Amino acid sequence: MAPARDSVAEMQGLYGPFTVAERVVQKIWLRQDFSAQPARLEDGRTLEILSPGHWNLIGGPDFKGARLRLGGIECSGDVEVHFHASDWEAHGHREDPAYANVVLHVLLFPPGTREKPVRNAAGGTIPAFVLLPRLHRDLEEYAADDALEDLTARDEWTRTAELASRPVGEVREVLHELAVARWRAKVHYAAQRVERLGWVEAAHHTGLEILGYRHNRVPMLAVAGRWPLAAWRGGIDLASVHASVGDAWRLHGVRPANRPSLRLAQYAAWAQQRPDWPERLEQWARSLSARPDATRADLNGSILRRDRRLGALSADLNQQVTGGAVGGLRWHTLVCDGLLPLAAARSGRDLSALWLQWFPGDAPERIGRALRKLGVSGGRDQPHCHGFAQGLMAWFLRRDVSL
């Protein structure tokens, strides 16, 4: 039933309500972008995902031909993805013969304590698997990725008309507030990863994940789970590492310089030059002098960058943590998406002001153009920074569900 595939729901995020399309949850299942080890169904049985199936973009179940192992017994069939268990009945699937071969009901949210497993037309129960507790990132981050995939193909200026009608100072404050909330969400999920994996492996997973870029985040996380940081410290067989995830690598749309084989080699060089890099990152964070909270004064990026010598600070951190193995825009993305949230979660230090005014990294060029047209950034007095880019992306997500 196609309409259900296009449905959306309003969620309460860590920094306010936002909307998410069901296709976002479907993409999470398709890309296996969640922690699946160990995985259990709602009835207590183990779940092994041998193949998530083929994404069905026409009528019928969301995924066809999945291969699963339920409680140790291998089976094949279809998979249906919903926000809630009750959506099965609401969408009329029980009586629809197209759904007779569904063997797994994937849910974003756990079913209620009084909800029973859904049934097919023959009366058989369909086991449920819940994604929300297993997500690597805040749900809004997944939704933002989905939004950006479409945003980069549109005229971003027409979509900022409401912001453009406001005074520049007000726009800056709106984006600043959204960015600060986005920072808090990143630290929250970094802390959860540290709690789940321990400090060293949380850092290791994060480093590989970010080197995978958007297309290969999930395979890189699989590599991190199979080869802990200790395996990289004395040298590693990169061919075996690359082959371990097989067809999961995505090469279409990936620039040659960002191919997984090159990024794996980059991480190998990083781990060998700085085998204790998680400990170095923690020490760096604890050695920083006291920083103020992210106040409105931090809206003046040129003052903050000059007073804190952000360029020198970046170079020093790079040498301490990666030995110079990661550079360019990817380095700044690594800092903003990974190192600073991790360091804040581990040390308890407020690093939000640094994060807000850090260099923008791999932010889409269209975001930068929109910020310049809005008068928010550009020039010596207000250089383009990571915080405003994050704030604008959050604003797009909250204001336009059709992104």
Protein backbone atom coordinates (compact mmCIF):
# COMPACT_ATOMS: atom_id res chain seq x y z
CA MET A 1 0.00 0.00 0.00
CA ALA A 2 1.90 3.01 -1.30
CA PRO A 3 0.33 5.68 0.91
CA ALA A 4 1.71 4.03 4.05
CA ARG A 5 5.19 4.14 2.54
CA ASP A 6 4.94 7.92 2.29
CA SER A 7 3.54 8.44 5.79
CA VAL A 8 5.22 10.72 8.29
CA ALA A 9 5.10 11.11 12.04
CA GLU A 10 5.94 13.93 14.40
CA MET A 11 8.58 13.04 16.96
CA GLN A 12 9.77 14.80 20.08
CA GLY A 13 13.51 15.17 19.74
CA LEU A 14 16.05 16.25 22.31
CA TYR A 15 15.59 19.79 21.07
CA GLY A 16 11.97 20.03 20.03
CA PRO A 17 9.47 18.35 17.73
CA PHE A 18 10.39 17.27 14.23
CA THR A 19 8.86 15.14 11.50
CA VAL A 20 10.26 11.97 10.00
CA ALA A 21 9.11 10.03 6.96
CA GLU A 22 8.64 6.27 7.13
CA ARG A 23 11.14 5.97 4.29
CA VAL A 24 13.82 7.08 6.77
CA VAL A 25 13.10 4.02 8.92
CA GLN A 26 13.08 1.86 5.79
CA LYS A 27 16.54 3.17 4.85
CA ILE A 28 17.82 2.36 8.33
CA TRP A 29 16.69 -1.25 7.84
CA LEU A 30 17.99 -1.44 4.26
CA ARG A 31 21.45 -0.16 5.19
CA GLN A 32 21.48 -2.08 8.48
CA ASP A 33 22.35 1.23 10.14
CA PHE A 34 21.85 0.04 13.70
CA SER A 35 23.53 -2.18 16.26
CA ALA A 36 22.55 -5.75 15.42
CA GLN A 37 24.85 -7.65 17.80
CA PRO A 38 23.23 -9.21 19.66
CA ALA A 39 19.73 -8.73 18.29
CA ARG A 40 16.56 -10.12 19.82
CA LEU A 41 12.96 -10.19 18.77
CA GLU A 42 10.24 -8.93 21.07
CA ASP A 43 9.38 -12.56 21.92
CA GLY A 44 12.92 -13.13 23.20
CA ARG A 45 14.31 -15.15 20.31
CA THR A 46 17.57 -14.23 18.66
CA LEU A 47 17.60 -12.53 15.27
CA GLU A 48 20.35 -12.81 12.66
CA ILE A 49 19.91 -10.76 9.49
CA LEU A 50 21.50 -12.63 6.59
CA SER A 51 19.96 -10.28 4.02
CA PRO A 52 17.52 -7.39 4.66
CA GLY A 53 15.78 -8.10 1.35
CA HIS A 54 15.15 -5.92 -1.68
CA TRP A 55 13.50 -2.55 -1.13
CA ASN A 56 10.07 -2.74 -2.74
CA LEU A 57 9.10 0.69 -4.09
CA ILE A 58 5.72 -0.41 -5.43
CA GLY A 59 2.72 -1.96 -3.69
CA GLY A 60 3.10 -4.67 -1.07
CA PRO A 61 5.60 -5.29 1.73
CA ASP A 62 8.48 -2.86 2.11
CA PHE A 63 11.16 -5.52 1.57
CA LYS A 64 10.96 -8.69 -0.49
CA GLY A 65 13.08 -11.80 -0.24
CA ALA A 66 14.77 -11.18 3.10
CA ARG A 67 16.87 -13.97 4.62
CA LEU A 68 16.76 -14.22 8.40
CA ARG A 69 17.62 -16.59 11.21
CA LEU A 70 14.93 -16.49 13.89
CA GLY A 71 15.84 -18.29 17.07
CA GLY A 72 18.51 -20.18 15.15
CA ILE A 73 16.13 -21.32 12.39
CA GLU A 74 16.76 -19.88 8.95
CA CYS A 75 13.82 -18.57 6.96
CA SER A 76 13.12 -16.31 4.01
CA GLY A 77 10.24 -14.00 3.26
CA ASP A 78 9.12 -10.39 3.30
CA VAL A 79 9.64 -7.62 5.86
CA GLU A 80 7.26 -4.80 6.69
CA VAL A 81 8.47 -1.60 8.39
CA HIS A 82 6.25 0.62 10.55
CA PHE A 83 6.50 3.28 13.21
CA HIS A 84 4.13 1.41 15.56
CA ALA A 85 2.79 -2.13 15.84
CA SER A 86 -0.75 -0.79 15.45
CA ASP A 87 0.08 0.43 11.93
CA TRP A 88 -0.26 -3.16 10.69
CA GLU A 89 -3.99 -3.17 11.35
CA ALA A 90 -4.43 0.51 10.51
CA HIS A 91 -3.01 -0.05 7.03
CA GLY A 92 -5.16 -3.15 6.45
CA HIS A 93 -2.29 -5.59 6.04
CA ARG A 94 -3.80 -8.55 7.90
CA GLU A 95 -6.46 -9.21 5.28
CA ASP A 96 -4.28 -8.25 2.31
CA PRO A 97 -2.91 -11.37 0.51
CA ALA A 98 0.09 -9.33 -0.68
CA TYR A 99 1.35 -9.48 2.93
CA ALA A 100 0.89 -13.22 3.43
CA ASN A 101 4.63 -13.89 3.17
CA VAL A 102 5.74 -11.31 5.76
CA VAL A 103 8.04 -13.03 8.28
CA LEU A 104 9.22 -10.00 10.27
CA HIS A 105 7.57 -6.80 11.48
CA VAL A 106 10.24 -4.10 11.95
CA LEU A 107 9.13 -1.31 14.28
CA LEU A 108 10.68 1.99 15.18
CA PHE A 109 8.96 2.16 18.58
CA PRO A 110 8.37 -0.71 21.02
CA PRO A 111 4.83 -2.07 21.15
CA GLY A 112 2.70 -1.30 24.16
CA THR A 113 2.67 -3.71 27.07
CA ARG A 114 -0.85 -4.83 26.14
CA GLU A 115 -0.23 -5.12 22.41
CA LYS A 116 -0.07 -8.62 21.00
CA PRO A 117 2.00 -9.70 17.96
CA VAL A 118 0.31 -8.95 14.66
CA ARG A 119 -1.20 -11.72 12.60
CA ASN A 120 -1.42 -12.51 8.91
CA ALA A 121 -4.54 -13.61 7.01
CA ALA A 122 -3.93 -17.26 7.97
CA GLY A 123 -3.88 -16.35 11.66
CA GLY A 124 -0.15 -16.86 12.12
CA THR A 125 1.76 -14.47 14.34
CA ILE A 126 4.53 -12.29 12.90
CA PRO A 127 7.49 -11.56 15.20
CA ALA A 128 8.51 -7.96 15.83
CA PHE A 129 11.94 -6.34 15.97
CA VAL A 130 12.34 -2.84 17.47
CA LEU A 131 14.95 -0.44 16.07
CA LEU A 132 14.88 2.60 18.35
CA PRO A 133 17.09 1.26 21.20
CA ARG A 134 19.67 0.11 18.62
CA LEU A 135 20.17 3.27 16.58
CA HIS A 136 23.74 4.55 16.29
CA ARG A 137 22.58 8.18 16.27
CA ASP A 138 19.67 10.35 17.26
CA LEU A 139 16.69 9.72 14.98
CA GLU A 140 16.77 13.35 13.91
CA GLU A 141 20.29 12.79 12.54
CA TYR A 142 18.97 10.04 10.26
CA ALA A 143 16.12 12.30 9.18
CA ALA A 144 18.56 15.13 8.49
CA ASP A 145 20.67 12.87 6.26
CA ASP A 146 17.58 11.94 4.30
CA ALA A 147 16.57 15.59 4.00
CA LEU A 148 20.00 16.63 2.73
CA GLU A 149 19.95 13.99 0.01
CA ASP A 150 17.00 15.83 -1.48
CA LEU A 151 17.98 19.36 -0.48
CA THR A 152 21.15 19.32 -2.55
CA ALA A 153 19.02 18.88 -5.66
CA ARG A 154 16.81 21.90 -4.98
CA ASP A 155 17.01 25.66 -4.96
CA GLU A 156 17.91 26.25 -1.33
CA TRP A 157 17.31 30.00 -1.56
CA THR A 158 13.58 29.70 -2.21
CA ARG A 159 13.37 27.50 0.87
CA THR A 160 14.90 30.14 3.13
CA ALA A 161 12.39 32.88 2.25
CA GLU A 162 10.89 32.90 5.75
CA LEU A 163 14.30 33.30 7.36
CA ALA A 164 15.34 35.94 4.84
CA SER A 165 12.40 38.13 5.88
CA ARG A 166 13.82 38.48 9.41
CA PRO A 167 16.62 40.78 10.61
CA VAL A 168 20.05 39.19 10.28
CA GLY A 169 20.66 39.31 14.03
CA GLU A 170 17.46 37.42 14.69
CA VAL A 171 18.33 34.81 12.06
CA ARG A 172 21.71 34.26 13.68
CA GLU A 173 20.10 33.74 17.08
CA VAL A 174 17.56 31.27 15.68
CA LEU A 175 20.26 29.21 13.98
CA HIS A 176 22.51 29.46 17.03
CA GLU A 177 19.77 28.07 19.28
CA LEU A 178 19.10 25.19 16.90
CA ALA A 179 22.80 24.44 16.61
CA VAL A 180 23.33 24.35 20.38
CA ALA A 181 20.49 21.88 20.70
CA ARG A 182 21.98 19.79 17.91
CA TRP A 183 25.29 19.76 19.80
CA ARG A 184 23.57 18.47 22.93
CA ALA A 185 22.01 15.64 20.95
CA LYS A 186 25.42 14.65 19.53
CA VAL A 187 26.98 14.58 22.99
CA HIS A 188 24.04 12.55 24.29
CA TYR A 189 24.55 9.86 21.66
CA ALA A 190 28.33 9.94 22.05
CA ALA A 191 27.83 9.23 25.76
CA GLN A 192 25.54 6.32 24.94
CA ARG A 193 28.16 4.86 22.60
CA VAL A 194 30.85 5.19 25.26
CA GLU A 195 28.60 3.49 27.79
CA ARG A 196 27.84 0.63 25.38
CA LEU A 197 31.33 0.04 23.94
CA GLY A 198 33.76 1.56 26.42
CA TRP A 199 35.90 4.62 25.72
CA VAL A 200 38.53 3.14 23.40
CA GLU A 201 36.14 1.20 21.17
CA ALA A 202 33.60 4.04 21.08
CA ALA A 203 36.35 6.31 19.74
CA HIS A 204 37.50 3.60 17.31
CA HIS A 205 33.97 3.07 15.94
CA THR A 206 33.46 6.82 15.58
CA GLY A 207 36.74 7.39 13.72
CA LEU A 208 36.05 4.68 11.16
CA GLU A 209 32.40 5.67 10.80
CA ILE A 210 33.25 9.26 9.86
CA LEU A 211 35.96 8.20 7.43
CA GLY A 212 33.26 6.20 5.66
CA TYR A 213 31.40 9.38 4.67
CA ARG A 214 27.65 9.19 4.24
CA HIS A 215 27.69 6.33 1.74
CA ASN A 216 29.87 3.90 3.70
CA ARG A 217 29.18 4.68 7.35
CA VAL A 218 27.53 1.34 7.98
CA PRO A 219 30.22 -0.91 6.41
CA MET A 220 32.87 1.04 8.32
CA LEU A 221 30.99 0.36 11.57
CA ALA A 222 30.91 -3.33 10.65
CA VAL A 223 34.68 -3.22 10.16
CA ALA A 224 35.12 -1.50 13.54
CA GLY A 225 33.09 -4.21 15.24
CA ARG A 226 35.10 -7.01 13.65
CA TRP A 227 38.56 -5.49 14.11
CA PRO A 228 38.98 -3.56 17.40
CA LEU A 229 41.56 -0.81 17.70
CA ALA A 230 44.15 -3.22 19.13
CA ALA A 231 44.16 -5.11 15.82
CA TRP A 232 45.17 -1.95 13.93
CA ARG A 233 48.00 -0.91 16.20
CA GLY A 234 50.56 -3.38 14.91
CA GLY A 235 49.55 -3.41 11.27
CA ILE A 236 46.60 -5.12 9.63
CA ASP A 237 45.79 -6.95 6.41
CA LEU A 238 43.78 -4.28 4.64
CA ALA A 239 42.74 -6.58 1.80
CA SER A 240 41.08 -8.93 4.30
CA VAL A 241 39.43 -6.03 6.08
CA HIS A 242 38.06 -4.64 2.81
CA ALA A 243 36.82 -8.04 1.67
CA SER A 244 35.08 -8.76 4.97
CA VAL A 245 32.03 -6.66 4.18
CA GLY A 246 31.89 -7.66 0.50
CA ASP A 247 29.08 -6.08 -1.46
CA ALA A 248 28.11 -3.77 1.40
CA TRP A 249 30.54 -1.13 0.13
CA ARG A 250 28.82 1.58 -1.88
CA LEU A 251 30.90 3.00 -4.71
CA HIS A 252 28.29 4.76 -6.84
CA GLY A 253 28.49 8.50 -6.28
CA VAL A 254 31.68 8.18 -4.20
CA ARG A 255 34.61 10.28 -5.40
CA PRO A 256 37.78 8.26 -6.18
CA ALA A 257 39.65 9.90 -3.30
CA ASN A 258 36.97 8.74 -0.88
CA ARG A 259 36.90 5.08 -1.92
CA PRO A 260 36.69 2.74 1.08
CA SER A 261 40.04 1.08 0.34
CA LEU A 262 41.81 4.45 0.59
CA ARG A 263 39.99 5.49 3.73
CA LEU A 264 40.81 2.15 5.38
CA ALA A 265 44.47 2.71 4.53
CA GLN A 266 44.19 6.18 6.00
CA TYR A 267 42.84 4.82 9.26
CA ALA A 268 45.57 2.17 9.34
CA ALA A 269 48.19 4.93 9.08
CA TRP A 270 46.37 6.92 11.76
CA ALA A 271 46.22 3.95 14.17
CA GLN A 272 49.88 3.11 13.68
CA GLN A 273 51.06 6.70 14.17
CA ARG A 274 48.84 7.30 17.18
CA PRO A 275 47.91 3.86 18.60
CA ASP A 276 46.78 5.54 21.82
CA TRP A 277 44.73 8.22 20.09
CA PRO A 278 41.58 7.84 22.26
CA GLU A 279 43.65 8.47 25.39
CA ARG A 280 45.33 11.44 23.69
CA LEU A 281 41.93 12.90 22.80
CA GLU A 282 40.74 12.58 26.39
CA GLN A 283 43.91 14.22 27.72
CA TRP A 284 43.57 17.06 25.20
CA ALA A 285 40.01 17.80 26.32
CA ARG A 286 40.93 17.80 29.99
CA SER A 287 43.92 20.08 29.36
CA LEU A 288 41.85 22.87 27.82
CA SER A 289 41.44 25.98 29.90
CA ALA A 290 37.94 26.65 31.19
CA ARG A 291 35.52 27.60 28.42
CA PRO A 292 32.32 29.57 28.86
CA ASP A 293 29.00 28.10 27.92
CA ALA A 294 27.76 28.67 24.39
CA THR A 295 26.34 32.14 25.02
CA ARG A 296 25.18 34.78 22.59
CA ALA A 297 28.68 36.23 22.68
CA ASP A 298 29.82 33.22 20.69
CA LEU A 299 27.79 34.50 17.74
CA ASN A 300 30.79 36.69 16.95
CA GLY A 301 32.93 34.06 15.30
CA SER A 302 35.86 36.30 14.37
CA ILE A 303 36.47 37.24 18.02
CA LEU A 304 36.28 33.64 19.20
CA ARG A 305 38.59 32.38 16.46
CA ARG A 306 41.14 35.11 17.15
CA ASP A 307 41.08 34.85 20.95
CA ARG A 308 41.33 31.08 20.95
CA ARG A 309 43.61 30.78 17.91
CA LEU A 310 41.32 28.16 16.43
CA GLY A 311 43.61 27.39 13.52
CA ALA A 312 46.54 26.62 15.82
CA LEU A 313 44.28 24.64 18.14
CA SER A 314 43.08 22.56 15.19
CA ALA A 315 46.63 21.86 14.00
CA ASP A 316 47.72 20.87 17.50
CA LEU A 317 44.77 18.52 17.98
CA ASN A 318 45.40 16.95 14.59
CA GLN A 319 49.01 16.19 15.40
CA GLN A 320 48.18 14.86 18.85
CA VAL A 321 45.31 12.61 17.76
CA THR A 322 46.00 11.54 14.15
CA GLY A 323 49.65 12.43 13.62
CA GLY A 324 48.53 14.35 10.55
CA ALA A 325 47.00 11.24 8.93
CA VAL A 326 43.64 12.97 8.37
CA GLY A 327 43.52 16.41 6.79
CA GLY A 328 41.43 18.83 4.78
CA LEU A 329 37.68 19.10 5.12
CA ARG A 330 37.37 15.54 6.39
CA TRP A 331 39.50 16.48 9.40
CA HIS A 332 37.10 19.25 10.39
CA THR A 333 34.12 16.93 9.90
CA LEU A 334 35.86 14.35 12.06
CA VAL A 335 36.34 16.96 14.78
CA CYS A 336 32.75 18.23 14.70
CA ASP A 337 30.85 14.99 14.15
CA GLY A 338 33.07 12.79 16.29
CA LEU A 339 35.98 14.06 18.34
CA LEU A 340 34.42 17.04 20.11
CA PRO A 341 31.16 15.25 21.08
CA LEU A 342 33.15 12.23 22.26
CA ALA A 343 35.59 14.39 24.23
CA ALA A 344 32.76 16.32 25.85
CA ALA A 345 30.93 13.13 26.80
CA ARG A 346 34.08 11.60 28.26
CA SER A 347 35.55 14.59 30.07
CA GLY A 348 32.39 16.39 31.15
CA ARG A 349 33.81 19.62 29.69
CA ASP A 350 31.56 22.06 27.85
CA LEU A 351 33.09 22.17 24.37
CA SER A 352 30.04 23.62 22.65
CA ALA A 353 31.60 27.02 21.93
CA LEU A 354 34.48 25.35 20.09
CA TRP A 355 32.07 23.13 18.17
CA LEU A 356 29.89 26.06 17.14
CA GLN A 357 32.75 28.10 15.70
CA TRP A 358 34.84 25.27 14.29
CA PHE A 359 35.57 25.21 10.57
CA PRO A 360 32.60 23.81 8.59
CA GLY A 361 34.18 20.69 7.10
CA ASP A 362 32.14 18.79 4.52
CA ALA A 363 28.95 20.83 4.87
CA PRO A 364 27.14 20.98 1.50
CA GLU A 365 28.12 24.01 -0.55
CA ARG A 366 24.46 24.93 -0.96
CA ILE A 367 24.23 25.39 2.80
CA GLY A 368 27.19 27.76 2.67
CA ARG A 369 25.65 29.76 -0.17
CA ALA A 370 22.34 30.07 1.69
CA LEU A 371 24.12 31.32 4.82
CA ARG A 372 25.97 33.96 2.80
CA LYS A 373 22.79 35.14 1.10
CA LEU A 374 21.07 35.37 4.47
CA GLY A 375 23.93 37.56 5.67
CA VAL A 376 24.67 35.14 8.50
CA SER A 377 28.22 34.31 7.49
CA GLY A 378 30.84 35.46 5.07
CA GLY A 379 33.74 37.87 5.34
CA ARG A 380 36.20 38.59 8.13
CA ASP A 381 33.70 39.68 10.76
CA GLN A 382 31.58 36.54 10.59
CA PRO A 383 33.41 33.62 8.94
CA HIS A 384 31.50 30.57 7.85
CA CYS A 385 31.39 28.09 10.73
CA HIS A 386 30.11 24.66 11.60
CA GLY A 387 27.48 25.86 14.05
CA PHE A 388 25.50 28.01 11.64
CA ALA A 389 25.63 25.26 9.01
CA GLN A 390 24.22 22.79 11.54
CA GLY A 391 21.59 25.29 12.64
CA LEU A 392 20.38 25.85 9.08
CA MET A 393 20.18 22.11 8.41
CA ALA A 394 18.13 21.69 11.59
CA TRP A 395 15.88 24.56 10.52
CA PHE A 396 15.24 22.93 7.13
CA LEU A 397 14.37 19.66 8.81
CA ARG A 398 11.96 21.19 11.30
CA ARG A 399 10.24 23.51 8.84
CA ASP A 400 9.74 21.35 5.77
CA VAL A 401 8.72 17.72 6.03
CA SER A 402 8.94 17.36 2.23
CA LEU A 403 12.73 17.78 2.23
